[in-house]
Amino acid sequence: MKNIGNIIGNTAIVAITVLSIRSCVLKNKEEALIKQDPLVVSGVFGKVNGLSRGAGYMGYCTYEVGGIRYEMAESLPSRQFFGHRFPVVYYRQDPSVARVLIHPDEFREFGFVFPDSLQYVKAWLP
């Protein structure tokens, strides 16, 4: 029985590791695409759900490009983001490849200056 428990535990660890690496690679690939040909629109967090065991919140930011509405999920530290607008930078050739810019570091990463109009957000960030 101990062997089965070890096998299950090791399999779970390997699966989580593989999924984490895949997620990082995909995120880096999407960020590289966005940086090649970026455009910015305004997005709004229209829904924010609490995650289990105090793990923060999942916000759903919607934005529109060319009359098509897109929605993306974003991990958030606070429920206060609900109803607030943030810049969304996206890849011109595929607007579904996008990132919502919240943290000053995210603005710098994509070559933008953190706007004065979002200074209040710093109090909500860890």
N, C-alpha and C. Protein backbone atom coordinates (compact mmCIF):
# COMPACT_ATOMS: atom_id res chain seq x y z
N MET A 1 0.81 -1.20 0.00
CA MET A 1 0.00 0.00 0.00
C MET A 1 0.85 1.26 0.00
N LYS A 2 1.99 1.23 0.71
CA LYS A 2 2.86 2.41 0.73
C LYS A 2 3.38 2.71 -0.67
N ASN A 3 3.68 1.66 -1.44
CA ASN A 3 4.19 1.86 -2.80
C ASN A 3 3.17 2.55 -3.68
N ILE A 4 1.91 2.17 -3.55
CA ILE A 4 0.85 2.80 -4.35
C ILE A 4 0.73 4.27 -3.97
N GLY A 5 0.78 4.56 -2.68
CA GLY A 5 0.73 5.96 -2.22
C GLY A 5 1.90 6.76 -2.75
N ASN A 6 3.09 6.16 -2.74
CA ASN A 6 4.28 6.84 -3.27
C ASN A 6 4.15 7.08 -4.77
N ILE A 7 3.65 6.10 -5.48
CA ILE A 7 3.48 6.23 -6.93
C ILE A 7 2.49 7.35 -7.24
N ILE A 8 1.37 7.36 -6.53
CA ILE A 8 0.36 8.40 -6.76
C ILE A 8 0.93 9.77 -6.41
N GLY A 9 1.62 9.86 -5.28
CA GLY A 9 2.22 11.13 -4.88
C GLY A 9 3.25 11.62 -5.88
N ASN A 10 4.13 10.73 -6.32
CA ASN A 10 5.16 11.10 -7.31
C ASN A 10 4.53 11.49 -8.64
N THR A 11 3.50 10.77 -9.05
CA THR A 11 2.81 11.09 -10.30
C THR A 11 2.18 12.48 -10.22
N ALA A 12 1.58 12.78 -9.10
CA ALA A 12 0.96 14.11 -8.92
C ALA A 12 2.01 15.20 -8.98
N ILE A 13 3.15 14.98 -8.34
CA ILE A 13 4.23 15.98 -8.36
C ILE A 13 4.74 16.20 -9.78
N VAL A 14 4.95 15.12 -10.51
CA VAL A 14 5.42 15.23 -11.90
C VAL A 14 4.38 15.96 -12.75
N ALA A 15 3.11 15.62 -12.59
CA ALA A 15 2.05 16.26 -13.38
C ALA A 15 1.98 17.76 -13.09
N ILE A 16 2.06 18.13 -11.84
CA ILE A 16 2.01 19.55 -11.48
C ILE A 16 3.22 20.28 -12.04
N THR A 17 4.39 19.66 -11.96
CA THR A 17 5.61 20.27 -12.49
C THR A 17 5.50 20.47 -14.00
N VAL A 18 5.04 19.46 -14.71
CA VAL A 18 4.89 19.55 -16.17
C VAL A 18 3.90 20.65 -16.54
N LEU A 19 2.77 20.71 -15.85
CA LEU A 19 1.76 21.74 -16.13
C LEU A 19 2.29 23.14 -15.83
N SER A 20 3.07 23.28 -14.77
CA SER A 20 3.65 24.58 -14.43
C SER A 20 4.64 25.03 -15.49
N ILE A 21 5.49 24.12 -15.93
CA ILE A 21 6.47 24.45 -16.98
C ILE A 21 5.75 24.81 -18.27
N ARG A 22 4.74 24.04 -18.63
CA ARG A 22 3.96 24.32 -19.85
C ARG A 22 3.31 25.70 -19.77
N SER A 23 2.77 26.02 -18.63
CA SER A 23 2.13 27.32 -18.43
C SER A 23 3.13 28.46 -18.60
N CYS A 24 4.32 28.30 -18.03
CA CYS A 24 5.36 29.33 -18.14
C CYS A 24 5.82 29.51 -19.58
N VAL A 25 6.02 28.39 -20.28
CA VAL A 25 6.45 28.45 -21.68
C VAL A 25 5.38 29.15 -22.52
N LEU A 26 4.13 28.79 -22.33
CA LEU A 26 3.03 29.40 -23.08
C LEU A 26 2.93 30.89 -22.79
N LYS A 27 3.05 31.25 -21.52
CA LYS A 27 2.99 32.66 -21.14
C LYS A 27 4.12 33.45 -21.79
N ASN A 28 5.33 32.90 -21.77
CA ASN A 28 6.48 33.58 -22.39
C ASN A 28 6.29 33.71 -23.90
N LYS A 29 5.75 32.69 -24.53
CA LYS A 29 5.51 32.71 -25.98
C LYS A 29 4.47 33.79 -26.32
N GLU A 30 3.40 33.86 -25.54
CA GLU A 30 2.36 34.86 -25.78
C GLU A 30 2.90 36.27 -25.54
N GLU A 31 3.70 36.45 -24.50
CA GLU A 31 4.28 37.77 -24.23
C GLU A 31 5.20 38.20 -25.36
N ALA A 32 5.96 37.26 -25.92
CA ALA A 32 6.83 37.59 -27.05
C ALA A 32 6.01 38.03 -28.26
N LEU A 33 4.88 37.36 -28.52
CA LEU A 33 4.01 37.76 -29.63
C LEU A 33 3.47 39.17 -29.41
N ILE A 34 2.98 39.42 -28.20
CA ILE A 34 2.42 40.74 -27.90
C ILE A 34 3.46 41.82 -28.12
N LYS A 35 4.68 41.58 -27.67
CA LYS A 35 5.75 42.58 -27.79
C LYS A 35 6.11 42.86 -29.24
N GLN A 36 5.89 41.89 -30.15
CA GLN A 36 6.18 42.07 -31.57
C GLN A 36 5.29 43.12 -32.21
N ASP A 37 4.01 43.14 -31.82
CA ASP A 37 3.04 44.00 -32.49
C ASP A 37 1.91 44.34 -31.51
N PRO A 38 2.21 45.18 -30.50
CA PRO A 38 1.21 45.42 -29.45
C PRO A 38 0.23 46.56 -29.75
N LEU A 39 -0.97 46.38 -29.29
CA LEU A 39 -1.98 47.45 -29.25
C LEU A 39 -2.60 47.43 -27.86
N VAL A 40 -3.15 48.57 -27.45
CA VAL A 40 -3.72 48.67 -26.11
C VAL A 40 -5.17 49.13 -26.19
N VAL A 41 -6.02 48.47 -25.40
CA VAL A 41 -7.41 48.87 -25.23
C VAL A 41 -7.71 48.88 -23.73
N SER A 42 -8.88 49.35 -23.39
CA SER A 42 -9.31 49.37 -22.00
C SER A 42 -10.14 48.13 -21.70
N GLY A 43 -9.86 47.52 -20.56
CA GLY A 43 -10.63 46.37 -20.11
C GLY A 43 -11.21 46.64 -18.74
N VAL A 44 -12.24 45.91 -18.39
CA VAL A 44 -12.87 46.11 -17.08
C VAL A 44 -13.07 44.75 -16.41
N PHE A 45 -12.82 44.72 -15.10
CA PHE A 45 -13.08 43.51 -14.33
C PHE A 45 -14.55 43.49 -13.96
N GLY A 46 -15.34 42.72 -14.69
CA GLY A 46 -16.77 42.67 -14.48
C GLY A 46 -17.20 41.59 -13.51
N LYS A 47 -16.27 40.68 -13.20
CA LYS A 47 -16.59 39.60 -12.27
C LYS A 47 -15.31 39.24 -11.51
N VAL A 48 -15.42 39.10 -10.21
CA VAL A 48 -14.29 38.68 -9.37
C VAL A 48 -14.81 37.63 -8.40
N ASN A 49 -14.23 36.45 -8.45
CA ASN A 49 -14.63 35.34 -7.57
C ASN A 49 -13.52 35.03 -6.57
N GLY A 50 -13.92 34.73 -5.34
CA GLY A 50 -12.95 34.30 -4.34
C GLY A 50 -12.53 32.87 -4.60
N LEU A 51 -11.26 32.58 -4.37
CA LEU A 51 -10.74 31.22 -4.52
C LEU A 51 -10.77 30.53 -3.16
N SER A 52 -10.70 29.23 -3.17
CA SER A 52 -10.79 28.48 -1.91
C SER A 52 -9.57 28.67 -1.02
N ARG A 53 -9.79 28.53 0.24
CA ARG A 53 -8.73 28.56 1.26
C ARG A 53 -7.92 29.85 1.24
N GLY A 54 -8.56 30.96 0.99
CA GLY A 54 -7.87 32.25 1.04
C GLY A 54 -6.77 32.43 0.01
N ALA A 55 -6.90 31.77 -1.12
CA ALA A 55 -5.85 31.81 -2.15
C ALA A 55 -5.95 33.05 -3.03
N GLY A 56 -6.74 34.03 -2.67
CA GLY A 56 -6.89 35.23 -3.47
C GLY A 56 -8.18 35.20 -4.27
N TYR A 57 -8.15 35.85 -5.42
CA TYR A 57 -9.35 36.00 -6.23
C TYR A 57 -9.03 35.75 -7.70
N MET A 58 -10.05 35.36 -8.43
CA MET A 58 -9.94 35.23 -9.88
C MET A 58 -10.84 36.29 -10.48
N GLY A 59 -10.22 37.21 -11.23
CA GLY A 59 -10.98 38.26 -11.88
C GLY A 59 -11.14 37.97 -13.36
N TYR A 60 -12.24 38.42 -13.93
CA TYR A 60 -12.51 38.23 -15.35
C TYR A 60 -12.59 39.59 -16.00
N CYS A 61 -11.58 39.87 -16.80
CA CYS A 61 -11.46 41.16 -17.46
C CYS A 61 -11.98 41.04 -18.89
N THR A 62 -12.93 41.90 -19.24
CA THR A 62 -13.45 41.90 -20.61
C THR A 62 -12.94 43.12 -21.35
N TYR A 63 -12.69 42.93 -22.64
CA TYR A 63 -12.24 44.02 -23.51
C TYR A 63 -12.77 43.75 -24.91
N GLU A 64 -12.81 44.78 -25.70
CA GLU A 64 -13.38 44.66 -27.04
C GLU A 64 -12.40 45.16 -28.09
N VAL A 65 -12.29 44.38 -29.18
CA VAL A 65 -11.43 44.74 -30.31
C VAL A 65 -12.22 44.47 -31.58
N GLY A 66 -12.39 45.49 -32.40
CA GLY A 66 -13.09 45.32 -33.68
C GLY A 66 -14.50 44.78 -33.53
N GLY A 67 -15.18 45.16 -32.47
CA GLY A 67 -16.55 44.73 -32.26
C GLY A 67 -16.69 43.34 -31.66
N ILE A 68 -15.57 42.69 -31.40
CA ILE A 68 -15.58 41.36 -30.79
C ILE A 68 -15.17 41.49 -29.33
N ARG A 69 -15.96 40.87 -28.47
CA ARG A 69 -15.70 40.95 -27.03
C ARG A 69 -14.86 39.75 -26.58
N TYR A 70 -13.82 40.03 -25.81
CA TYR A 70 -12.93 39.00 -25.29
C TYR A 70 -12.98 39.03 -23.76
N GLU A 71 -12.71 37.89 -23.15
CA GLU A 71 -12.64 37.82 -21.70
C GLU A 71 -11.42 37.00 -21.32
N MET A 72 -10.70 37.49 -20.31
CA MET A 72 -9.54 36.76 -19.83
C MET A 72 -9.57 36.69 -18.31
N ALA A 73 -9.07 35.58 -17.78
CA ALA A 73 -9.01 35.39 -16.33
C ALA A 73 -7.67 35.89 -15.82
N GLU A 74 -7.69 36.49 -14.66
CA GLU A 74 -6.48 37.04 -14.05
C GLU A 74 -6.53 36.80 -12.55
N SER A 75 -5.45 36.27 -12.01
CA SER A 75 -5.35 36.09 -10.56
C SER A 75 -5.16 37.46 -9.91
N LEU A 76 -5.95 37.73 -8.89
CA LEU A 76 -5.93 39.03 -8.23
C LEU A 76 -5.76 38.87 -6.72
N PRO A 77 -5.10 39.85 -6.08
CA PRO A 77 -4.92 39.78 -4.63
C PRO A 77 -6.11 40.32 -3.84
N SER A 78 -7.04 40.99 -4.53
CA SER A 78 -8.12 41.68 -3.82
C SER A 78 -9.39 41.70 -4.65
N ARG A 79 -10.51 41.76 -3.97
CA ARG A 79 -11.81 41.88 -4.63
C ARG A 79 -12.05 43.32 -5.12
N GLN A 80 -11.23 44.25 -4.66
CA GLN A 80 -11.41 45.67 -4.98
C GLN A 80 -11.27 45.99 -6.47
N PHE A 81 -10.73 45.08 -7.25
CA PHE A 81 -10.53 45.32 -8.67
C PHE A 81 -11.86 45.32 -9.45
N PHE A 82 -12.90 44.76 -8.84
CA PHE A 82 -14.20 44.66 -9.50
C PHE A 82 -14.68 46.04 -9.97
N GLY A 83 -15.08 46.11 -11.24
CA GLY A 83 -15.63 47.34 -11.80
C GLY A 83 -14.60 48.36 -12.26
N HIS A 84 -13.33 48.09 -12.03
CA HIS A 84 -12.29 49.05 -12.42
C HIS A 84 -11.72 48.71 -13.79
N ARG A 85 -11.31 49.76 -14.49
CA ARG A 85 -10.74 49.63 -15.83
C ARG A 85 -9.22 49.61 -15.77
N PHE A 86 -8.64 48.77 -16.63
CA PHE A 86 -7.19 48.66 -16.73
C PHE A 86 -6.81 48.52 -18.20
N PRO A 87 -5.59 48.94 -18.55
CA PRO A 87 -5.13 48.73 -19.93
C PRO A 87 -4.94 47.23 -20.20
N VAL A 88 -5.32 46.83 -21.39
CA VAL A 88 -5.09 45.46 -21.86
C VAL A 88 -4.22 45.60 -23.11
N VAL A 89 -3.04 44.99 -23.08
CA VAL A 89 -2.16 44.99 -24.24
C VAL A 89 -2.36 43.66 -24.96
N TYR A 90 -2.53 43.74 -26.28
CA TYR A 90 -2.80 42.50 -27.03
C TYR A 90 -1.99 42.47 -28.32
N TYR A 91 -1.89 41.29 -28.89
CA TYR A 91 -1.18 41.05 -30.15
C TYR A 91 -2.12 41.44 -31.29
N ARG A 92 -1.69 42.39 -32.09
CA ARG A 92 -2.54 42.95 -33.15
C ARG A 92 -3.14 41.87 -34.05
N GLN A 93 -2.39 40.83 -34.37
CA GLN A 93 -2.86 39.80 -35.29
C GLN A 93 -3.79 38.77 -34.64
N ASP A 94 -3.82 38.75 -33.30
CA ASP A 94 -4.70 37.82 -32.58
C ASP A 94 -5.06 38.44 -31.23
N PRO A 95 -6.12 39.25 -31.19
CA PRO A 95 -6.48 39.95 -29.95
C PRO A 95 -6.79 39.05 -28.75
N SER A 96 -6.96 37.74 -28.97
CA SER A 96 -7.17 36.86 -27.82
C SER A 96 -5.87 36.62 -27.05
N VAL A 97 -4.74 36.94 -27.66
CA VAL A 97 -3.44 36.85 -26.99
C VAL A 97 -3.21 38.21 -26.33
N ALA A 98 -3.46 38.26 -25.03
CA ALA A 98 -3.47 39.56 -24.34
C ALA A 98 -3.04 39.43 -22.88
N ARG A 99 -2.67 40.56 -22.30
CA ARG A 99 -2.36 40.65 -20.88
C ARG A 99 -2.98 41.93 -20.34
N VAL A 100 -3.59 41.83 -19.19
CA VAL A 100 -4.10 43.02 -18.51
C VAL A 100 -2.92 43.58 -17.70
N LEU A 101 -2.74 44.88 -17.79
CA LEU A 101 -1.62 45.53 -17.10
C LEU A 101 -2.12 46.14 -15.80
N ILE A 102 -1.62 45.63 -14.68
CA ILE A 102 -2.04 46.09 -13.37
C ILE A 102 -0.84 46.59 -12.57
N HIS A 103 0.16 45.76 -12.44
CA HIS A 103 1.33 46.04 -11.62
C HIS A 103 2.32 46.92 -12.40
N PRO A 104 3.00 47.86 -11.72
CA PRO A 104 3.99 48.69 -12.42
C PRO A 104 5.03 47.88 -13.20
N ASP A 105 5.41 46.72 -12.67
CA ASP A 105 6.38 45.87 -13.38
C ASP A 105 5.83 45.37 -14.71
N GLU A 106 4.54 45.10 -14.78
CA GLU A 106 3.93 44.64 -16.03
C GLU A 106 3.97 45.75 -17.08
N PHE A 107 3.74 46.98 -16.66
CA PHE A 107 3.83 48.10 -17.60
C PHE A 107 5.25 48.20 -18.16
N ARG A 108 6.24 48.13 -17.27
CA ARG A 108 7.65 48.20 -17.70
C ARG A 108 7.99 47.06 -18.64
N GLU A 109 7.51 45.85 -18.33
CA GLU A 109 7.82 44.68 -19.15
C GLU A 109 7.38 44.87 -20.60
N PHE A 110 6.27 45.56 -20.81
CA PHE A 110 5.77 45.78 -22.15
C PHE A 110 6.15 47.15 -22.72
N GLY A 111 7.00 47.89 -22.00
CA GLY A 111 7.52 49.16 -22.51
C GLY A 111 6.61 50.35 -22.29
N PHE A 112 5.72 50.27 -21.30
CA PHE A 112 4.81 51.38 -21.01
C PHE A 112 5.13 51.98 -19.65
N VAL A 113 4.77 53.23 -19.49
CA VAL A 113 4.93 53.93 -18.21
C VAL A 113 3.68 53.69 -17.38
N PHE A 114 3.86 53.39 -16.10
CA PHE A 114 2.73 53.20 -15.21
C PHE A 114 2.01 54.54 -15.06
N PRO A 115 0.71 54.60 -15.40
CA PRO A 115 0.02 55.89 -15.42
C PRO A 115 -0.33 56.41 -14.01
N ASP A 116 -0.30 57.73 -13.90
CA ASP A 116 -0.69 58.37 -12.64
C ASP A 116 -2.12 57.99 -12.24
N SER A 117 -2.96 57.79 -13.23
CA SER A 117 -4.37 57.49 -12.96
C SER A 117 -4.57 56.15 -12.25
N LEU A 118 -3.53 55.30 -12.22
CA LEU A 118 -3.65 54.01 -11.55
C LEU A 118 -2.82 53.93 -10.27
N GLN A 119 -2.33 55.05 -9.78
CA GLN A 119 -1.51 55.04 -8.56
C GLN A 119 -2.25 54.41 -7.39
N TYR A 120 -3.55 54.60 -7.33
CA TYR A 120 -4.35 54.06 -6.22
C TYR A 120 -4.27 52.53 -6.13
N VAL A 121 -3.99 51.88 -7.24
CA VAL A 121 -3.96 50.42 -7.30
C VAL A 121 -2.78 49.86 -6.48
N LYS A 122 -1.73 50.63 -6.34
CA LYS A 122 -0.55 50.14 -5.61
C LYS A 122 -0.91 49.71 -4.19
N ALA A 123 -1.90 50.34 -3.59
CA ALA A 123 -2.33 49.98 -2.22
C ALA A 123 -2.99 48.61 -2.20
N TRP A 124 -3.47 48.11 -3.33
CA TRP A 124 -4.14 46.82 -3.39
C TRP A 124 -3.19 45.68 -3.71
N LEU A 125 -1.98 46.02 -4.13
CA LEU A 125 -1.01 45.00 -4.57
C LEU A 125 -0.17 44.52 -3.40
N PRO A 126 0.22 43.24 -3.43
CA PRO A 126 1.07 42.71 -2.35
C PRO A 126 2.47 43.29 -2.41
